[in-house]
Structure formats: structure tokens, C-alpha cells
Amino acid sequence: QVQLVESGGGLVQAGGSLRLSCATSRSIFSIERMGWYRQVPGKQRELIADITNGGITNYADSVKGRFTISRDNAKNTVYLQMNSLKPEDTAVYYCAADLLTIARRYWGQGTQVTVSS
């Protein structure tokens, strides 16, 4: 079982920045992959960035060069630094933890990000 608590969402103007945090209830070393997803009403949840416990990162084309995923092992926390935000980045952002050995994915509660033009 993994509990995830996200924070850091809010309202920002286009071109601004936000940093999302996702705190985990267990050692981050035991989680093979952590990711950030986002969802807008009427659309599927999409993966925007993930990071393995070996530190390998992956980004969706829509955020590459603007968003950075990172992890603080001592704090068992994963971050998503979002720069140069655009109105189309407006969504609910979710953190997910993948325990690949048991094929389970855990989700956080989501945090709203709204980018005004």
C-alpha cells in the first residue's frame, strides 16, 4: 500500500511557474516508478512525466523543455517543476506510484492547476 499526497497546485498567469510535490508514505527507493499525470474534463488522463528509482526520466512532448520531474530520496517526495506555463496546461494533476513487481499503481488525490491567459 502506498499513500500519496500532492500539493502545490493553484492559479498562475501564462508564462509563470509552479512546483508540485508528491509525498509518499513509504521509502521512495521501493517504488520502481513515479509519474505525474494530468486530466481535463472529457479527456483521458495522460502521462506527462515519470522517473524511475534509478533516476531515468521521461517526458511527454507537450511538456518537454518546460517541466522537470525530480525526486528527493531523503524526503520521499517527487516534484514537478513547471515553467513557461500555458493555458493548455490547465488540468487536474495526479501523482502515481508504480509497484511493478506486483503490478499495482497507486494514485494521489489530484491537485488543480489553472493557467490564465
C-alpha atoms as a PDB file:
ATOM      1  CA  GLN A   1       0.000   0.000   0.000  1.00  0.00           C
ATOM      2  CA  VAL A   2       1.227   3.486  -0.859  1.00  0.00           C
ATOM      3  CA  GLN A   3      -0.405   6.765   0.120  1.00  0.00           C
ATOM      4  CA  LEU A   4       0.394   9.803  -1.957  1.00  0.00           C
ATOM      5  CA  VAL A   5      -0.281  13.406  -1.015  1.00  0.00           C
ATOM      6  CA  GLU A   6       0.043  16.094  -3.661  1.00  0.00           C
ATOM      7  CA  SER A   7       0.421  19.798  -3.078  1.00  0.00           C
ATOM      8  CA  GLY A   8       1.447  22.940  -4.900  1.00  0.00           C
ATOM      9  CA  GLY A   9      -1.347  23.479  -7.383  1.00  0.00           C
ATOM     10  CA  GLY A  10      -3.027  26.809  -7.888  1.00  0.00           C
ATOM     11  CA  LEU A  11      -3.734  29.672 -10.238  1.00  0.00           C
ATOM     12  CA  VAL A  12      -0.917  31.219 -12.244  1.00  0.00           C
ATOM     13  CA  GLN A  13      -0.635  33.507 -15.247  1.00  0.00           C
ATOM     14  CA  ALA A  14       0.642  32.247 -18.564  1.00  0.00           C
ATOM     15  CA  GLY A  15       4.426  32.222 -18.573  1.00  0.00           C
ATOM     16  CA  GLY A  16       4.600  31.640 -14.847  1.00  0.00           C
ATOM     17  CA  SER A  17       5.845  28.695 -12.819  1.00  0.00           C
ATOM     18  CA  LEU A  18       4.557  26.261 -10.227  1.00  0.00           C
ATOM     19  CA  ARG A  19       6.119  23.366  -8.378  1.00  0.00           C
ATOM     20  CA  LEU A  20       4.029  20.355  -7.486  1.00  0.00           C
ATOM     21  CA  SER A  21       5.044  17.992  -4.716  1.00  0.00           C
ATOM     22  CA  CYS A  22       4.033  14.390  -4.096  1.00  0.00           C
ATOM     23  CA  ALA A  23       4.899  12.925  -0.720  1.00  0.00           C
ATOM     24  CA  THR A  24       4.849   9.148  -0.389  1.00  0.00           C
ATOM     25  CA  SER A  25       4.072   7.026   2.660  1.00  0.00           C
ATOM     26  CA  ARG A  26       6.905   4.585   2.046  1.00  0.00           C
ATOM     27  CA  SER A  27      10.529   4.715   1.010  1.00  0.00           C
ATOM     28  CA  ILE A  28      10.785   6.074  -2.484  1.00  0.00           C
ATOM     29  CA  PHE A  29      13.512   3.515  -3.221  1.00  0.00           C
ATOM     30  CA  SER A  30      10.877   0.783  -3.009  1.00  0.00           C
ATOM     31  CA  ILE A  31       8.762   2.410  -5.729  1.00  0.00           C
ATOM     32  CA  GLU A  32      10.001   1.416  -9.162  1.00  0.00           C
ATOM     33  CA  ARG A  33       8.471   4.350 -10.991  1.00  0.00           C
ATOM     34  CA  MET A  34       6.679   7.534 -10.082  1.00  0.00           C
ATOM     35  CA  GLY A  35       4.823   9.691 -12.517  1.00  0.00           C
ATOM     36  CA  TRP A  36       2.814  12.829 -12.959  1.00  0.00           C
ATOM     37  CA  TYR A  37      -0.372  12.678 -14.984  1.00  0.00           C
ATOM     38  CA  ARG A  38      -2.962  15.279 -15.838  1.00  0.00           C
ATOM     39  CA  GLN A  39      -6.592  15.208 -16.834  1.00  0.00           C
ATOM     40  CA  VAL A  40      -9.042  17.712 -18.215  1.00  0.00           C
ATOM     41  CA  PRO A  41     -12.801  17.134 -18.266  1.00  0.00           C
ATOM     42  CA  GLY A  42     -13.892  14.860 -21.082  1.00  0.00           C
ATOM     43  CA  LYS A  43     -10.389  13.614 -21.830  1.00  0.00           C
ATOM     44  CA  GLN A  44      -8.296  10.671 -20.738  1.00  0.00           C
ATOM     45  CA  ARG A  45      -5.678  11.047 -18.070  1.00  0.00           C
ATOM     46  CA  GLU A  46      -2.304  11.477 -19.749  1.00  0.00           C
ATOM     47  CA  LEU A  47       1.211  10.794 -18.561  1.00  0.00           C
ATOM     48  CA  ILE A  48       3.346  13.894 -18.690  1.00  0.00           C
ATOM     49  CA  ALA A  49       6.487  12.853 -16.836  1.00  0.00           C
ATOM     50  CA  ASP A  50       7.883   9.913 -14.932  1.00  0.00           C
ATOM     51  CA  ILE A  51      11.033   8.922 -13.110  1.00  0.00           C
ATOM     52  CA  THR A  52      12.355   5.513 -12.174  1.00  0.00           C
ATOM     53  CA  ASN A  53      14.048   4.639  -8.906  1.00  0.00           C
ATOM     54  CA  GLY A  54      17.242   4.619 -10.950  1.00  0.00           C
ATOM     55  CA  GLY A  55      16.660   8.257 -11.868  1.00  0.00           C
ATOM     56  CA  ILE A  56      15.688   7.778 -15.515  1.00  0.00           C
ATOM     57  CA  THR A  57      13.182  10.388 -16.641  1.00  0.00           C
ATOM     58  CA  ASN A  58      10.675  10.526 -19.445  1.00  0.00           C
ATOM     59  CA  TYR A  59       8.517  13.419 -20.665  1.00  0.00           C
ATOM     60  CA  ALA A  60       5.563  13.918 -22.931  1.00  0.00           C
ATOM     61  CA  ASP A  61       6.367  16.044 -25.960  1.00  0.00           C
ATOM     62  CA  SER A  62       3.887  18.668 -24.823  1.00  0.00           C
ATOM     63  CA  VAL A  63       5.928  19.484 -21.703  1.00  0.00           C
ATOM     64  CA  LYS A  64       9.479  18.630 -22.769  1.00  0.00           C
ATOM     65  CA  GLY A  65      11.825  21.509 -22.075  1.00  0.00           C
ATOM     66  CA  ARG A  66       9.338  23.232 -19.754  1.00  0.00           C
ATOM     67  CA  PHE A  67       8.661  20.695 -16.986  1.00  0.00           C
ATOM     68  CA  THR A  68      11.186  18.854 -14.849  1.00  0.00           C
ATOM     69  CA  ILE A  69      10.494  15.836 -12.670  1.00  0.00           C
ATOM     70  CA  SER A  70      12.817  15.148  -9.765  1.00  0.00           C
ATOM     71  CA  ARG A  71      12.917  13.235  -6.524  1.00  0.00           C
ATOM     72  CA  ASP A  72      14.228  13.849  -3.026  1.00  0.00           C
ATOM     73  CA  ASN A  73      15.032  10.455  -1.608  1.00  0.00           C
ATOM     74  CA  ALA A  74      15.533  11.751   1.927  1.00  0.00           C
ATOM     75  CA  LYS A  75      12.047  13.285   1.941  1.00  0.00           C
ATOM     76  CA  ASN A  76      10.349  10.504  -0.038  1.00  0.00           C
ATOM     77  CA  THR A  77       8.966  13.175  -2.306  1.00  0.00           C
ATOM     78  CA  VAL A  78       8.728  13.654  -6.039  1.00  0.00           C
ATOM     79  CA  TYR A  79       8.448  17.098  -7.590  1.00  0.00           C
ATOM     80  CA  LEU A  80       7.229  18.510 -10.856  1.00  0.00           C
ATOM     81  CA  GLN A  81       8.707  21.892 -11.660  1.00  0.00           C
ATOM     82  CA  MET A  82       6.546  23.562 -14.280  1.00  0.00           C
ATOM     83  CA  ASN A  83       7.902  26.596 -16.102  1.00  0.00           C
ATOM     84  CA  SER A  84       6.600  28.655 -19.006  1.00  0.00           C
ATOM     85  CA  LEU A  85       3.083  27.546 -18.243  1.00  0.00           C
ATOM     86  CA  LYS A  86       0.432  27.813 -20.909  1.00  0.00           C
ATOM     87  CA  PRO A  87      -3.370  27.948 -20.644  1.00  0.00           C
ATOM     88  CA  GLU A  88      -3.478  24.470 -22.191  1.00  0.00           C
ATOM     89  CA  ASP A  89      -1.590  23.148 -19.148  1.00  0.00           C
ATOM     90  CA  THR A  90      -4.743  23.755 -17.103  1.00  0.00           C
ATOM     91  CA  ALA A  91      -5.800  20.412 -15.638  1.00  0.00           C
ATOM     92  CA  VAL A  92      -6.004  18.328 -12.509  1.00  0.00           C
ATOM     93  CA  TYR A  93      -2.554  16.900 -11.903  1.00  0.00           C
ATOM     94  CA  TYR A  94      -2.163  13.474 -10.326  1.00  0.00           C
ATOM     95  CA  CYS A  95       0.816  11.729  -8.859  1.00  0.00           C
ATOM     96  CA  ALA A  96       1.117   7.960  -9.335  1.00  0.00           C
ATOM     97  CA  ALA A  97       3.353   5.300  -7.845  1.00  0.00           C
ATOM     98  CA  ASP A  98       4.007   2.079  -9.741  1.00  0.00           C
ATOM     99  CA  LEU A  99       4.994  -1.065  -7.893  1.00  0.00           C
ATOM    100  CA  LEU A 100       5.930  -3.057 -10.956  1.00  0.00           C
ATOM    101  CA  THR A 101       6.724  -6.286  -9.131  1.00  0.00           C
ATOM    102  CA  ILE A 102       3.121  -6.613  -8.016  1.00  0.00           C
ATOM    103  CA  ALA A 103       1.604  -4.744 -10.973  1.00  0.00           C
ATOM    104  CA  ARG A 104      -0.088  -2.122  -8.812  1.00  0.00           C
ATOM    105  CA  ARG A 105      -0.498   1.599  -9.363  1.00  0.00           C
ATOM    106  CA  TYR A 106      -1.477   3.983  -6.613  1.00  0.00           C
ATOM    107  CA  TRP A 107      -2.877   7.464  -7.163  1.00  0.00           C
ATOM    108  CA  GLY A 108      -2.878  10.681  -5.235  1.00  0.00           C
ATOM    109  CA  GLN A 109      -5.983  12.786  -4.808  1.00  0.00           C
ATOM    110  CA  GLY A 110      -5.060  15.288  -7.512  1.00  0.00           C
ATOM    111  CA  THR A 111      -4.315  18.981  -7.432  1.00  0.00           C
ATOM    112  CA  GLN A 112      -5.808  21.645  -9.680  1.00  0.00           C
ATOM    113  CA  VAL A 113      -3.543  23.766 -11.846  1.00  0.00           C
ATOM    114  CA  THR A 114      -5.142  26.691 -13.650  1.00  0.00           C
ATOM    115  CA  VAL A 115      -3.182  28.866 -16.070  1.00  0.00           C
ATOM    116  CA  SER A 116      -4.834  32.118 -17.077  1.00  0.00           C
ATOM    117  CA  SER A 117      -4.095  33.851 -20.356  1.00  0.00           C
END
